[in-house]
PDB file of N, CA and C in Angstrom:
ATOM      1  N   MET A   1      71.452 110.817  97.923  1.00  0.00           N
ATOM      2  CA  MET A   1      72.038 111.486  96.767  1.00  0.00           C
ATOM      3  C   MET A   1      72.865 110.489  95.967  1.00  0.00           C
ATOM      4  N   HIS A   2      72.592 110.558  94.679  1.00  0.00           N
ATOM      5  CA  HIS A   2      73.238 109.620  93.762  1.00  0.00           C
ATOM      6  C   HIS A   2      74.609 110.120  93.354  1.00  0.00           C
ATOM      7  N   LYS A   3      75.603 109.299  93.568  1.00  0.00           N
ATOM      8  CA  LYS A   3      76.965 109.717  93.097  1.00  0.00           C
ATOM      9  C   LYS A   3      77.155 109.196  91.664  1.00  0.00           C
ATOM     10  N   ARG A   4      77.507 110.068  90.782  1.00  0.00           N
ATOM     11  CA  ARG A   4      77.632 109.734  89.399  1.00  0.00           C
ATOM     12  C   ARG A   4      78.864 108.838  89.184  1.00  0.00           C
ATOM     13  N   THR A   5      78.738 107.857  88.284  1.00  0.00           N
ATOM     14  CA  THR A   5      79.844 106.938  87.953  1.00  0.00           C
ATOM     15  C   THR A   5      80.724 107.650  86.929  1.00  0.00           C
ATOM     16  N   ASN A   6      81.922 107.083  86.711  1.00  0.00           N
ATOM     17  CA  ASN A   6      82.825 107.564  85.713  1.00  0.00           C
ATOM     18  C   ASN A   6      82.162 107.518  84.353  1.00  0.00           C
ATOM     19  N   ALA A   7      81.422 106.432  84.088  1.00  0.00           N
ATOM     20  CA  ALA A   7      80.788 106.287  82.774  1.00  0.00           C
ATOM     21  C   ALA A   7      79.778 107.385  82.534  1.00  0.00           C
ATOM     22  N   GLU A   8      79.004 107.722  83.559  1.00  0.00           N
ATOM     23  CA  GLU A   8      78.006 108.799  83.447  1.00  0.00           C
ATOM     24  C   GLU A   8      78.690 110.197  83.215  1.00  0.00           C
ATOM     25  N   ILE A   9      79.719 110.439  83.926  1.00  0.00           N
ATOM     26  CA  ILE A   9      80.436 111.669  83.794  1.00  0.00           C
ATOM     27  C   ILE A   9      80.963 111.835  82.349  1.00  0.00           C
ATOM     28  N   ILE A  10      81.618 110.796  81.856  1.00  0.00           N
ATOM     29  CA  ILE A  10      82.218 110.843  80.544  1.00  0.00           C
ATOM     30  C   ILE A  10      81.130 110.888  79.447  1.00  0.00           C
ATOM     31  N   ALA A  11      80.052 110.183  79.652  1.00  0.00           N
ATOM     32  CA  ALA A  11      78.938 110.188  78.667  1.00  0.00           C
ATOM     33  C   ALA A  11      78.345 111.603  78.559  1.00  0.00           C
ATOM     34  N   GLU A  12      78.209 112.279  79.680  1.00  0.00           N
ATOM     35  CA  GLU A  12      77.652 113.656  79.635  1.00  0.00           C
ATOM     36  C   GLU A  12      78.587 114.569  78.897  1.00  0.00           C
ATOM     37  N   ALA A  13      79.856 114.449  79.233  1.00  0.00           N
ATOM     38  CA  ALA A  13      80.911 115.279  78.541  1.00  0.00           C
ATOM     39  C   ALA A  13      80.921 114.980  77.045  1.00  0.00           C
ATOM     40  N   GLN A  14      80.810 113.744  76.693  1.00  0.00           N
ATOM     41  CA  GLN A  14      80.900 113.353  75.277  1.00  0.00           C
ATOM     42  C   GLN A  14      79.625 113.893  74.575  1.00  0.00           C
ATOM     43  N   GLN A  15      78.505 113.843  75.220  1.00  0.00           N
ATOM     44  CA  GLN A  15      77.283 114.383  74.590  1.00  0.00           C
ATOM     45  C   GLN A  15      77.412 115.883  74.329  1.00  0.00           C
ATOM     46  N   LYS A  16      78.022 116.580  75.341  1.00  0.00           N
ATOM     47  CA  LYS A  16      78.225 117.996  75.178  1.00  0.00           C
ATOM     48  C   LYS A  16      79.208 118.273  73.935  1.00  0.00           C
ATOM     49  N   LEU A  17      80.243 117.463  73.876  1.00  0.00           N
ATOM     50  CA  LEU A  17      81.192 117.658  72.723  1.00  0.00           C
ATOM     51  C   LEU A  17      80.518 117.313  71.379  1.00  0.00           C
ATOM     52  N   LYS A  18      79.652 116.313  71.416  1.00  0.00           N
ATOM     53  CA  LYS A  18      78.936 115.931  70.193  1.00  0.00           C
ATOM     54  C   LYS A  18      78.001 117.028  69.793  1.00  0.00           C
ATOM     55  N   ASP A  19      77.312 117.643  70.737  1.00  0.00           N
ATOM     56  CA  ASP A  19      76.403 118.725  70.399  1.00  0.00           C
ATOM     57  C   ASP A  19      77.131 119.947  69.853  1.00  0.00           C
ATOM     58  N   GLN A  20      78.366 120.096  70.278  1.00  0.00           N
ATOM     59  CA  GLN A  20      79.205 121.255  69.765  1.00  0.00           C
ATOM     60  C   GLN A  20      79.887 120.855  68.419  1.00  0.00           C
ATOM     61  N   GLY A  21      79.690 119.623  67.969  1.00  0.00           N
ATOM     62  CA  GLY A  21      80.268 119.182  66.721  1.00  0.00           C
ATOM     63  C   GLY A  21      81.726 118.789  66.779  1.00  0.00           C
ATOM     64  N   ASN A  22      82.194 118.436  67.991  1.00  0.00           N
ATOM     65  CA  ASN A  22      83.561 118.030  68.195  1.00  0.00           C
ATOM     66  C   ASN A  22      83.657 116.503  68.345  1.00  0.00           C
ATOM     67  N   ASP A  23      84.848 115.975  68.156  1.00  0.00           N
ATOM     68  CA  ASP A  23      85.150 114.558  68.326  1.00  0.00           C
ATOM     69  C   ASP A  23      84.852 114.140  69.825  1.00  0.00           C
ATOM     70  N   ILE A  24      84.133 113.081  70.007  1.00  0.00           N
ATOM     71  CA  ILE A  24      83.789 112.697  71.411  1.00  0.00           C
ATOM     72  C   ILE A  24      84.923 112.129  72.189  1.00  0.00           C
ATOM     73  N   TRP A  25      86.059 111.770  71.532  1.00  0.00           N
ATOM     74  CA  TRP A  25      87.222 111.266  72.216  1.00  0.00           C
ATOM     75  C   TRP A  25      88.379 112.261  72.163  1.00  0.00           C
ATOM     76  N   ASN A  26      88.105 113.532  71.992  1.00  0.00           N
ATOM     77  CA  ASN A  26      89.135 114.583  72.026  1.00  0.00           C
ATOM     78  C   ASN A  26      89.569 114.662  73.471  1.00  0.00           C
ATOM     79  N   LEU A  27      90.792 114.126  73.756  1.00  0.00           N
ATOM     80  CA  LEU A  27      91.265 113.977  75.129  1.00  0.00           C
ATOM     81  C   LEU A  27      91.421 115.316  75.865  1.00  0.00           C
ATOM     82  N   SER A  28      91.884 116.298  75.154  1.00  0.00           N
ATOM     83  CA  SER A  28      92.049 117.641  75.772  1.00  0.00           C
ATOM     84  C   SER A  28      90.664 118.209  76.186  1.00  0.00           C
ATOM     85  N   ALA A  29      89.714 118.150  75.249  1.00  0.00           N
ATOM     86  CA  ALA A  29      88.368 118.616  75.574  1.00  0.00           C
ATOM     87  C   ALA A  29      87.687 117.831  76.687  1.00  0.00           C
ATOM     88  N   LEU A  30      87.825 116.521  76.652  1.00  0.00           N
ATOM     89  CA  LEU A  30      87.291 115.670  77.780  1.00  0.00           C
ATOM     90  C   LEU A  30      87.936 116.003  79.117  1.00  0.00           C
ATOM     91  N   HIS A  31      89.247 116.242  79.068  1.00  0.00           N
ATOM     92  CA  HIS A  31      89.958 116.599  80.301  1.00  0.00           C
ATOM     93  C   HIS A  31      89.397 117.892  80.853  1.00  0.00           C
ATOM     94  N   ARG A  32      89.179 118.852  80.028  1.00  0.00           N
ATOM     95  CA  ARG A  32      88.602 120.166  80.549  1.00  0.00           C
ATOM     96  C   ARG A  32      87.197 119.969  81.054  1.00  0.00           C
ATOM     97  N   GLU A  33      86.391 119.119  80.464  1.00  0.00           N
ATOM     98  CA  GLU A  33      85.060 118.894  80.863  1.00  0.00           C
ATOM     99  C   GLU A  33      84.902 118.041  82.148  1.00  0.00           C
ATOM    100  N   THR A  34      85.751 117.023  82.275  1.00  0.00           N
ATOM    101  CA  THR A  34      85.565 116.051  83.335  1.00  0.00           C
ATOM    102  C   THR A  34      86.563 116.232  84.453  1.00  0.00           C
ATOM    103  N   GLY A  35      87.736 116.709  84.179  1.00  0.00           N
ATOM    104  CA  GLY A  35      88.799 116.802  85.201  1.00  0.00           C
ATOM    105  C   GLY A  35      89.673 115.558  85.227  1.00  0.00           C
ATOM    106  N   PHE A  36      89.274 114.499  84.479  1.00  0.00           N
ATOM    107  CA  PHE A  36      90.096 113.307  84.427  1.00  0.00           C
ATOM    108  C   PHE A  36      91.345 113.612  83.639  1.00  0.00           C
ATOM    109  N   SER A  37      92.441 112.957  84.058  1.00  0.00           N
ATOM    110  CA  SER A  37      93.696 113.200  83.289  1.00  0.00           C
ATOM    111  C   SER A  37      93.609 112.559  81.933  1.00  0.00           C
ATOM    112  N   ARG A  38      94.426 113.038  80.969  1.00  0.00           N
ATOM    113  CA  ARG A  38      94.410 112.473  79.651  1.00  0.00           C
ATOM    114  C   ARG A  38      94.863 111.004  79.674  1.00  0.00           C
ATOM    115  N   TYR A  39      95.755 110.688  80.586  1.00  0.00           N
ATOM    116  CA  TYR A  39      96.224 109.305  80.730  1.00  0.00           C
ATOM    117  C   TYR A  39      95.070 108.433  81.126  1.00  0.00           C
ATOM    118  N   THR A  40      94.221 108.823  82.095  1.00  0.00           N
ATOM    119  CA  THR A  40      93.057 108.067  82.498  1.00  0.00           C
ATOM    120  C   THR A  40      92.010 107.957  81.406  1.00  0.00           C
ATOM    121  N   LEU A  41      91.819 109.039  80.670  1.00  0.00           N
ATOM    122  CA  LEU A  41      90.902 109.032  79.578  1.00  0.00           C
ATOM    123  C   LEU A  41      91.315 108.057  78.445  1.00  0.00           C
ATOM    124  N   ARG A  42      92.653 107.986  78.210  1.00  0.00           N
ATOM    125  CA  ARG A  42      93.185 107.014  77.231  1.00  0.00           C
ATOM    126  C   ARG A  42      92.880 105.565  77.701  1.00  0.00           C
ATOM    127  N   LYS A  43      93.074 105.307  78.963  1.00  0.00           N
ATOM    128  CA  LYS A  43      92.737 103.972  79.484  1.00  0.00           C
ATOM    129  C   LYS A  43      91.250 103.657  79.276  1.00  0.00           C
ATOM    130  N   PHE A  44      90.407 104.587  79.605  1.00  0.00           N
ATOM    131  CA  PHE A  44      88.964 104.435  79.371  1.00  0.00           C
ATOM    132  C   PHE A  44      88.634 104.146  77.915  1.00  0.00           C
ATOM    133  N   ARG A  45      89.264 104.936  77.052  1.00  0.00           N
ATOM    134  CA  ARG A  45      89.053 104.819  75.591  1.00  0.00           C
ATOM    135  C   ARG A  45      89.467 103.441  75.077  1.00  0.00           C
ATOM    136  N   ASP A  46      90.692 103.005  75.556  1.00  0.00           N
ATOM    137  CA  ASP A  46      91.284 101.795  74.988  1.00  0.00           C
ATOM    138  C   ASP A  46      90.748 100.493  75.577  1.00  0.00           C
ATOM    139  N   SER A  47      90.373 100.526  76.859  1.00  0.00           N
ATOM    140  CA  SER A  47      89.935  99.262  77.453  1.00  0.00           C
ATOM    141  C   SER A  47      88.526  99.368  78.056  1.00  0.00           C
ATOM    142  N   GLY A  48      87.819 100.426  77.801  1.00  0.00           N
ATOM    143  CA  GLY A  48      86.502 100.566  78.311  1.00  0.00           C
ATOM    144  C   GLY A  48      86.446 101.187  79.652  1.00  0.00           C
ATOM    145  N   ILE A  49      85.318 101.807  79.971  1.00  0.00           N
ATOM    146  CA  ILE A  49      85.141 102.530  81.245  1.00  0.00           C
ATOM    147  C   ILE A  49      84.672 101.565  82.263  1.00  0.00           C
ATOM    148  N   LYS A  50      85.518 101.367  83.303  1.00  0.00           N
ATOM    149  CA  LYS A  50      85.183 100.447  84.332  1.00  0.00           C
ATOM    150  C   LYS A  50      85.244 101.113  85.672  1.00  0.00           C
ATOM    151  N   ASP A  51      84.309 100.808  86.529  1.00  0.00           N
ATOM    152  CA  ASP A  51      84.364 101.355  87.888  1.00  0.00           C
ATOM    153  C   ASP A  51      85.359 100.555  88.722  1.00  0.00           C
ATOM    154  N   HIS A  52      85.696 101.074  89.856  1.00  0.00           N
ATOM    155  CA  HIS A  52      86.630 100.364  90.766  1.00  0.00           C
ATOM    156  C   HIS A  52      86.126  98.973  91.163  1.00  0.00           C
ATOM    157  N   GLY A  53      87.004  98.056  91.279  1.00  0.00           N
ATOM    158  CA  GLY A  53      86.622  96.655  91.531  1.00  0.00           C
ATOM    159  C   GLY A  53      85.846  96.427  92.794  1.00  0.00           C
ATOM    160  N   ASN A  54      85.983  97.305  93.850  1.00  0.00           N
ATOM    161  CA  ASN A  54      85.297  97.145  95.084  1.00  0.00           C
ATOM    162  C   ASN A  54      84.001  97.968  95.160  1.00  0.00           C
ATOM    163  N   LYS A  55      83.634  98.623  94.059  1.00  0.00           N
ATOM    164  CA  LYS A  55      82.446  99.453  94.088  1.00  0.00           C
ATOM    165  C   LYS A  55      81.249  98.617  94.375  1.00  0.00           C
ATOM    166  N   GLY A  56      80.462  99.089  95.328  1.00  0.00           N
ATOM    167  CA  GLY A  56      79.236  98.420  95.726  1.00  0.00           C
ATOM    168  C   GLY A  56      79.367  97.437  96.813  1.00  0.00           C
ATOM    169  N   LYS A  57      80.567  97.017  97.186  1.00  0.00           N
ATOM    170  CA  LYS A  57      80.754  96.045  98.279  1.00  0.00           C
ATOM    171  C   LYS A  57      80.568  96.737  99.596  1.00  0.00           C
ATOM    172  N   ARG A  58      80.045  96.029 100.543  1.00  0.00           N
ATOM    173  CA  ARG A  58      79.882  96.559 101.895  1.00  0.00           C
ATOM    174  C   ARG A  58      81.062  96.250 102.710  1.00  0.00           C
ATOM    175  N   GLN A  59      81.371  97.114 103.662  1.00  0.00           N
ATOM    176  CA  GLN A  59      82.473  96.904 104.520  1.00  0.00           C
ATOM    177  C   GLN A  59      82.239  95.686 105.438  1.00  0.00           C
ATOM    178  N   GLU A  60      83.242  94.924 105.593  1.00  0.00           N
ATOM    179  CA  GLU A  60      83.204  93.699 106.386  1.00  0.00           C
ATOM    180  C   GLU A  60      82.971  94.035 107.840  1.00  0.00           C
ATOM    181  N   LEU A  61      82.084  93.247 108.521  1.00  0.00           N
ATOM    182  CA  LEU A  61      81.866  93.461 109.984  1.00  0.00           C
ATOM    183  C   LEU A  61      83.038  92.868 110.700  1.00  0.00           C
ATOM    184  N   THR A  62      83.439  93.579 111.769  1.00  0.00           N
ATOM    185  CA  THR A  62      84.532  93.150 112.650  1.00  0.00           C
ATOM    186  C   THR A  62      84.091  93.086 114.109  1.00  0.00           C
ATOM    187  N   ILE A  63      84.973  92.629 114.944  1.00  0.00           N
ATOM    188  CA  ILE A  63      84.643  92.589 116.401  1.00  0.00           C
ATOM    189  C   ILE A  63      84.328  93.984 116.888  1.00  0.00           C
ATOM    190  N   HIS A  64      85.003  94.990 116.354  1.00  0.00           N
ATOM    191  CA  HIS A  64      84.849  96.378 116.808  1.00  0.00           C
ATOM    192  C   HIS A  64      83.520  96.991 116.410  1.00  0.00           C
ATOM    193  N   THR A  65      82.878  96.457 115.383  1.00  0.00           N
ATOM    194  CA  THR A  65      81.714  97.076 114.822  1.00  0.00           C
ATOM    195  C   THR A  65      80.628  97.262 115.862  1.00  0.00           C
ATOM    196  N   SER A  66      80.370  96.205 116.703  1.00  0.00           N
ATOM    197  CA  SER A  66      79.321  96.354 117.653  1.00  0.00           C
ATOM    198  C   SER A  66      79.650  97.263 118.833  1.00  0.00           C
ATOM    199  N   PHE A  67      80.877  97.693 118.971  1.00  0.00           N
ATOM    200  CA  PHE A  67      81.331  98.529 120.039  1.00  0.00           C
ATOM    201  C   PHE A  67      81.614  99.973 119.627  1.00  0.00           C
ATOM    202  N   GLU A  68      81.416 100.250 118.338  1.00  0.00           N
ATOM    203  CA  GLU A  68      81.675 101.578 117.807  1.00  0.00           C
ATOM    204  C   GLU A  68      80.881 102.695 118.443  1.00  0.00           C
ATOM    205  N   SER A  69      79.607 102.410 118.740  1.00  0.00           N
ATOM    206  CA  SER A  69      78.783 103.448 119.375  1.00  0.00           C
ATOM    207  C   SER A  69      79.295 103.767 120.760  1.00  0.00           C
ATOM    208  N   VAL A  70      79.792 102.781 121.507  1.00  0.00           N
ATOM    209  CA  VAL A  70      80.294 103.014 122.810  1.00  0.00           C
ATOM    210  C   VAL A  70      81.568 103.850 122.773  1.00  0.00           C
ATOM    211  N   ILE A  71      82.432 103.531 121.836  1.00  0.00           N
ATOM    212  CA  ILE A  71      83.684 104.314 121.665  1.00  0.00           C
ATOM    213  C   ILE A  71      83.384 105.715 121.251  1.00  0.00           C
ATOM    214  N   ASN A  72      82.503 105.889 120.271  1.00  0.00           N
ATOM    215  CA  ASN A  72      82.169 107.221 119.837  1.00  0.00           C
ATOM    216  C   ASN A  72      81.534 108.062 120.918  1.00  0.00           C
ATOM    217  N   ASP A  73      80.636 107.454 121.684  1.00  0.00           N
ATOM    218  CA  ASP A  73      79.941 108.153 122.779  1.00  0.00           C
ATOM    219  C   ASP A  73      80.959 108.600 123.882  1.00  0.00           C
ATOM    220  N   THR A  74      81.905 107.655 124.224  1.00  0.00           N
ATOM    221  CA  THR A  74      82.889 107.967 125.205  1.00  0.00           C
ATOM    222  C   THR A  74      83.767 109.100 124.782  1.00  0.00           C
ATOM    223  N   MET A  75      84.186 109.090 123.536  1.00  0.00           N
ATOM    224  CA  MET A  75      85.047 110.163 122.977  1.00  0.00           C
ATOM    225  C   MET A  75      84.263 111.487 122.836  1.00  0.00           C
ATOM    226  N   LYS A  76      82.977 111.395 122.529  1.00  0.00           N
ATOM    227  CA  LYS A  76      82.197 112.620 122.423  1.00  0.00           C
ATOM    228  C   LYS A  76      82.109 113.364 123.775  1.00  0.00           C
ATOM    229  N   HIS A  77      82.146 112.607 124.854  1.00  0.00           N
ATOM    230  CA  HIS A  77      82.100 113.173 126.196  1.00  0.00           C
ATOM    231  C   HIS A  77      83.461 113.580 126.724  1.00  0.00           C
ATOM    232  N   GLY A  78      84.492 113.565 125.842  1.00  0.00           N
ATOM    233  CA  GLY A  78      85.795 114.075 126.200  1.00  0.00           C
ATOM    234  C   GLY A  78      86.834 113.113 126.682  1.00  0.00           C
ATOM    235  N   ASN A  79      86.441 111.820 126.779  1.00  0.00           N
ATOM    236  CA  ASN A  79      87.378 110.837 127.253  1.00  0.00           C
ATOM    237  C   ASN A  79      88.106 110.197 126.019  1.00  0.00           C
ATOM    238  N   HIS A  80      89.358 110.611 125.762  1.00  0.00           N
ATOM    239  CA  HIS A  80      90.090 110.149 124.624  1.00  0.00           C
ATOM    240  C   HIS A  80      91.239 109.168 125.065  1.00  0.00           C
ATOM    241  N   ASN A  81      91.227 108.793 126.338  1.00  0.00           N
ATOM    242  CA  ASN A  81      92.274 107.914 126.847  1.00  0.00           C
ATOM    243  C   ASN A  81      91.970 106.439 126.409  1.00  0.00           C
ATOM    244  N   ALA A  82      92.843 105.900 125.660  1.00  0.00           N
ATOM    245  CA  ALA A  82      92.648 104.565 125.040  1.00  0.00           C
ATOM    246  C   ALA A  82      92.512 103.502 126.142  1.00  0.00           C
ATOM    247  N   ALA A  83      93.305 103.604 127.182  1.00  0.00           N
ATOM    248  CA  ALA A  83      93.242 102.624 128.296  1.00  0.00           C
ATOM    249  C   ALA A  83      91.905 102.631 128.986  1.00  0.00           C
ATOM    250  N   ASN A  84      91.370 103.860 129.213  1.00  0.00           N
ATOM    251  CA  ASN A  84      90.044 103.985 129.864  1.00  0.00           C
ATOM    252  C   ASN A  84      88.967 103.382 128.950  1.00  0.00           C
ATOM    253  N   ILE A  85      88.993 103.709 127.671  1.00  0.00           N
ATOM    254  CA  ILE A  85      88.028 103.165 126.767  1.00  0.00           C
ATOM    255  C   ILE A  85      88.123 101.655 126.655  1.00  0.00           C
ATOM    256  N   PHE A  86      89.337 101.139 126.680  1.00  0.00           N
ATOM    257  CA  PHE A  86      89.530  99.689 126.607  1.00  0.00           C
ATOM    258  C   PHE A  86      88.915  99.001 127.828  1.00  0.00           C
ATOM    259  N   ARG A  87      89.143  99.576 129.030  1.00  0.00           N
ATOM    260  CA  ARG A  87      88.522  98.982 130.269  1.00  0.00           C
ATOM    261  C   ARG A  87      87.057  99.038 130.213  1.00  0.00           C
ATOM    262  N   ARG A  88      86.474 100.118 129.687  1.00  0.00           N
ATOM    263  CA  ARG A  88      84.977 100.173 129.608  1.00  0.00           C
ATOM    264  C   ARG A  88      84.477  99.151 128.603  1.00  0.00           C
ATOM    265  N   LEU A  89      85.203  98.977 127.500  1.00  0.00           N
ATOM    266  CA  LEU A  89      84.758  97.920 126.572  1.00  0.00           C
ATOM    267  C   LEU A  89      84.838  96.521 127.110  1.00  0.00           C
ATOM    268  N   GLN A  90      85.884  96.269 127.918  1.00  0.00           N
ATOM    269  CA  GLN A  90      86.016  94.934 128.564  1.00  0.00           C
ATOM    270  C   GLN A  90      84.824  94.638 129.483  1.00  0.00           C
ATOM    271  N   LYS A  91      84.382  95.676 130.237  1.00  0.00           N
ATOM    272  CA  LYS A  91      83.223  95.545 131.143  1.00  0.00           C
ATOM    273  C   LYS A  91      81.951  95.220 130.393  1.00  0.00           C
ATOM    274  N   LEU A  92      81.898  95.666 129.137  1.00  0.00           N
ATOM    275  CA  LEU A  92      80.727  95.434 128.279  1.00  0.00           C
ATOM    276  C   LEU A  92      80.847  94.150 127.459  1.00  0.00           C
ATOM    277  N   GLY A  93      81.949  93.390 127.652  1.00  0.00           N
ATOM    278  CA  GLY A  93      82.081  92.059 126.996  1.00  0.00           C
ATOM    279  C   GLY A  93      82.981  92.053 125.797  1.00  0.00           C
ATOM    280  N   TYR A  94      83.794  93.089 125.549  1.00  0.00           N
ATOM    281  CA  TYR A  94      84.664  93.098 124.392  1.00  0.00           C
ATOM    282  C   TYR A  94      85.665  91.979 124.471  1.00  0.00           C
ATOM    283  N   PRO A  95      85.689  91.099 123.480  1.00  0.00           N
ATOM    284  CA  PRO A  95      86.535  89.908 123.576  1.00  0.00           C
ATOM    285  C   PRO A  95      87.989  90.123 123.095  1.00  0.00           C
ATOM    286  N   GLY A  96      88.311  91.295 122.565  1.00  0.00           N
ATOM    287  CA  GLY A  96      89.649  91.583 122.071  1.00  0.00           C
ATOM    288  C   GLY A  96      90.615  91.908 123.185  1.00  0.00           C
ATOM    289  N   GLY A  97      91.904  92.043 122.839  1.00  0.00           N
ATOM    290  CA  GLY A  97      92.904  92.371 123.816  1.00  0.00           C
ATOM    291  C   GLY A  97      93.812  93.468 123.282  1.00  0.00           C
ATOM    292  N   ILE A  98      94.835  93.759 124.044  1.00  0.00           N
ATOM    293  CA  ILE A  98      95.866  94.781 123.666  1.00  0.00           C
ATOM    294  C   ILE A  98      96.945  93.976 122.914  1.00  0.00           C
ATOM    295  N   PRO A  99      97.303  94.460 121.731  1.00  0.00           N
ATOM    296  CA  PRO A  99      98.301  93.721 120.912  1.00  0.00           C
ATOM    297  C   PRO A  99      99.695  93.872 121.559  1.00  0.00           C
TER     298      PRO A  99
END
């Protein structure tokens, strides 16, 4: 499923306003159409519509990443005790420790 970007949401709302014969930067009307605050819409109007700086970046892999399935499986079977889970991970080669 494609998640719409801010630019797409605003462009659709502006097209709707244009079709109705209204100003495409009418902040009150854009707010009603998009749900964005008027403050946010002013920022978009004045400096351009930009997506979040981390958009599209993948999450960094950590030591825990390769052990997530073991942790999830253990918890799914009702064992939520952190010490028991930690001992099980150590047996499987987990290199981390207790802070």
